[in-house]
Amino acid sequence: MDNKLMFSEAGVFYLQQLASLVFKHSGVRHKLSTREGQISLLHAGQSSAQRDIQNCWRQLIATLQPQQKLALEREGLHFTPSLNRQAS
């Protein structure tokens, strides 16, 4: 079985958008074809202070099912409402 995370069509769209935004701001590419690349991108998106990245992160998270959030929480991601830590 494949070790990648499973996203809905909307989730894939926002994941790709997030990858593009993170690359634009940091120059770092994330390999979306691997679980490690996806998790790394999600961590980068979650910790970013850039407003466009935060907005895309929220849109991606809104596409996730509860069991997907639980699986990602085991990877060290957090889905609390306190995402507005810093204004950019």
C-alpha atoms as a PDB file:
ATOM      1  CA  MET A   1       0.000   0.000   0.000  1.00  0.00           C
ATOM      2  CA  ASP A   2       1.076   3.563  -0.749  1.00  0.00           C
ATOM      3  CA  ASN A   3       2.417   5.564   2.206  1.00  0.00           C
ATOM      4  CA  LYS A   4       1.101   8.941   0.982  1.00  0.00           C
ATOM      5  CA  LEU A   5      -1.635  10.829   2.748  1.00  0.00           C
ATOM      6  CA  MET A   6      -5.033  10.821   1.076  1.00  0.00           C
ATOM      7  CA  PHE A   7      -6.642  14.169   0.303  1.00  0.00           C
ATOM      8  CA  SER A   8      -9.920  15.057  -1.375  1.00  0.00           C
ATOM      9  CA  GLU A   9      -9.787  16.856  -4.730  1.00  0.00           C
ATOM     10  CA  ALA A  10     -10.169  20.173  -2.930  1.00  0.00           C
ATOM     11  CA  GLY A  11      -7.486  19.106  -0.460  1.00  0.00           C
ATOM     12  CA  VAL A  12      -5.080  18.298  -3.292  1.00  0.00           C
ATOM     13  CA  PHE A  13      -5.775  21.699  -4.838  1.00  0.00           C
ATOM     14  CA  TYR A  14      -4.969  23.508  -1.567  1.00  0.00           C
ATOM     15  CA  LEU A  15      -1.953  21.270  -0.935  1.00  0.00           C
ATOM     16  CA  GLN A  16      -0.547  22.280  -4.326  1.00  0.00           C
ATOM     17  CA  GLN A  17      -1.350  25.934  -3.642  1.00  0.00           C
ATOM     18  CA  LEU A  18       0.359  25.681  -0.265  1.00  0.00           C
ATOM     19  CA  ALA A  19       3.453  24.135  -1.863  1.00  0.00           C
ATOM     20  CA  SER A  20       3.569  26.971  -4.379  1.00  0.00           C
ATOM     21  CA  LEU A  21       3.218  29.666  -1.714  1.00  0.00           C
ATOM     22  CA  VAL A  22       5.809  28.101   0.577  1.00  0.00           C
ATOM     23  CA  PHE A  23       8.223  27.878  -2.355  1.00  0.00           C
ATOM     24  CA  LYS A  24       7.525  31.499  -3.311  1.00  0.00           C
ATOM     25  CA  HIS A  25       8.337  32.742   0.200  1.00  0.00           C
ATOM     26  CA  SER A  26      11.106  30.345   1.238  1.00  0.00           C
ATOM     27  CA  GLY A  27      12.582  28.853  -1.917  1.00  0.00           C
ATOM     28  CA  VAL A  28      12.055  25.382  -0.421  1.00  0.00           C
ATOM     29  CA  ARG A  29      10.352  22.744  -2.556  1.00  0.00           C
ATOM     30  CA  HIS A  30       8.395  19.933  -0.951  1.00  0.00           C
ATOM     31  CA  LYS A  31       7.992  16.627  -2.752  1.00  0.00           C
ATOM     32  CA  LEU A  32       4.243  16.061  -2.718  1.00  0.00           C
ATOM     33  CA  SER A  33       4.567  12.513  -4.043  1.00  0.00           C
ATOM     34  CA  THR A  34       5.907  11.312  -0.670  1.00  0.00           C
ATOM     35  CA  ARG A  35       4.388  11.261   2.782  1.00  0.00           C
ATOM     36  CA  GLU A  36       7.521  12.881   4.195  1.00  0.00           C
ATOM     37  CA  GLY A  37       7.267  15.736   1.685  1.00  0.00           C
ATOM     38  CA  GLN A  38       3.608  16.261   2.470  1.00  0.00           C
ATOM     39  CA  ILE A  39       4.188  16.268   6.241  1.00  0.00           C
ATOM     40  CA  SER A  40       7.138  18.639   5.857  1.00  0.00           C
ATOM     41  CA  LEU A  41       4.998  21.002   3.768  1.00  0.00           C
ATOM     42  CA  LEU A  42       2.167  20.884   6.292  1.00  0.00           C
ATOM     43  CA  HIS A  43       4.597  21.755   9.097  1.00  0.00           C
ATOM     44  CA  ALA A  44       6.012  24.626   7.025  1.00  0.00           C
ATOM     45  CA  GLY A  45       2.510  25.903   6.287  1.00  0.00           C
ATOM     46  CA  GLN A  46       1.404  25.647   9.873  1.00  0.00           C
ATOM     47  CA  SER A  47       4.391  27.539  11.241  1.00  0.00           C
ATOM     48  CA  SER A  48       4.485  30.292   8.615  1.00  0.00           C
ATOM     49  CA  ALA A  49       3.774  33.891   9.580  1.00  0.00           C
ATOM     50  CA  GLN A  50       2.880  34.788   5.973  1.00  0.00           C
ATOM     51  CA  ARG A  51      -0.780  35.723   5.675  1.00  0.00           C
ATOM     52  CA  ASP A  52      -1.311  34.053   2.272  1.00  0.00           C
ATOM     53  CA  ILE A  53       0.222  30.819   3.551  1.00  0.00           C
ATOM     54  CA  GLN A  54      -1.920  30.936   6.711  1.00  0.00           C
ATOM     55  CA  ASN A  55      -5.066  31.438   4.620  1.00  0.00           C
ATOM     56  CA  CYS A  56      -4.205  28.542   2.334  1.00  0.00           C
ATOM     57  CA  TRP A  57      -3.355  26.376   5.366  1.00  0.00           C
ATOM     58  CA  ARG A  58      -6.801  27.076   6.855  1.00  0.00           C
ATOM     59  CA  GLN A  59      -8.517  26.237   3.574  1.00  0.00           C
ATOM     60  CA  LEU A  60      -6.609  22.954   3.345  1.00  0.00           C
ATOM     61  CA  ILE A  61      -7.417  22.036   6.938  1.00  0.00           C
ATOM     62  CA  ALA A  62     -11.111  22.729   6.289  1.00  0.00           C
ATOM     63  CA  THR A  63     -11.097  19.916   3.695  1.00  0.00           C
ATOM     64  CA  LEU A  64      -9.836  17.287   6.150  1.00  0.00           C
ATOM     65  CA  GLN A  65     -11.975  14.639   7.786  1.00  0.00           C
ATOM     66  CA  PRO A  66     -11.681  14.166  11.588  1.00  0.00           C
ATOM     67  CA  GLN A  67      -9.722  10.907  11.190  1.00  0.00           C
ATOM     68  CA  GLN A  68      -7.251  12.668   8.873  1.00  0.00           C
ATOM     69  CA  LYS A  69      -6.715  15.380  11.488  1.00  0.00           C
ATOM     70  CA  LEU A  70      -6.084  12.729  14.144  1.00  0.00           C
ATOM     71  CA  ALA A  71      -3.505  11.013  11.923  1.00  0.00           C
ATOM     72  CA  LEU A  72      -1.773  14.332  11.259  1.00  0.00           C
ATOM     73  CA  GLU A  73      -1.807  15.237  14.951  1.00  0.00           C
ATOM     74  CA  ARG A  74       0.266  12.084  15.507  1.00  0.00           C
ATOM     75  CA  GLU A  75       2.749  13.665  13.062  1.00  0.00           C
ATOM     76  CA  GLY A  76       3.034  16.739  15.317  1.00  0.00           C
ATOM     77  CA  LEU A  77       0.531  19.026  13.582  1.00  0.00           C
ATOM     78  CA  HIS A  78      -2.041  20.942  15.611  1.00  0.00           C
ATOM     79  CA  PHE A  79      -5.487  22.098  14.554  1.00  0.00           C
ATOM     80  CA  THR A  80      -6.460  24.551  17.264  1.00  0.00           C
ATOM     81  CA  PRO A  81      -8.058  27.886  16.367  1.00  0.00           C
ATOM     82  CA  SER A  82      -4.974  29.810  17.567  1.00  0.00           C
ATOM     83  CA  LEU A  83      -3.346  30.021  14.145  1.00  0.00           C
ATOM     84  CA  ASN A  84      -3.104  33.825  14.166  1.00  0.00           C
ATOM     85  CA  ARG A  85       0.037  33.962  16.262  1.00  0.00           C
ATOM     86  CA  GLN A  86       1.658  36.765  14.271  1.00  0.00           C
ATOM     87  CA  ALA A  87       0.488  39.298  11.767  1.00  0.00           C
ATOM     88  CA  SER A  88       2.616  39.649   8.665  1.00  0.00           C
END
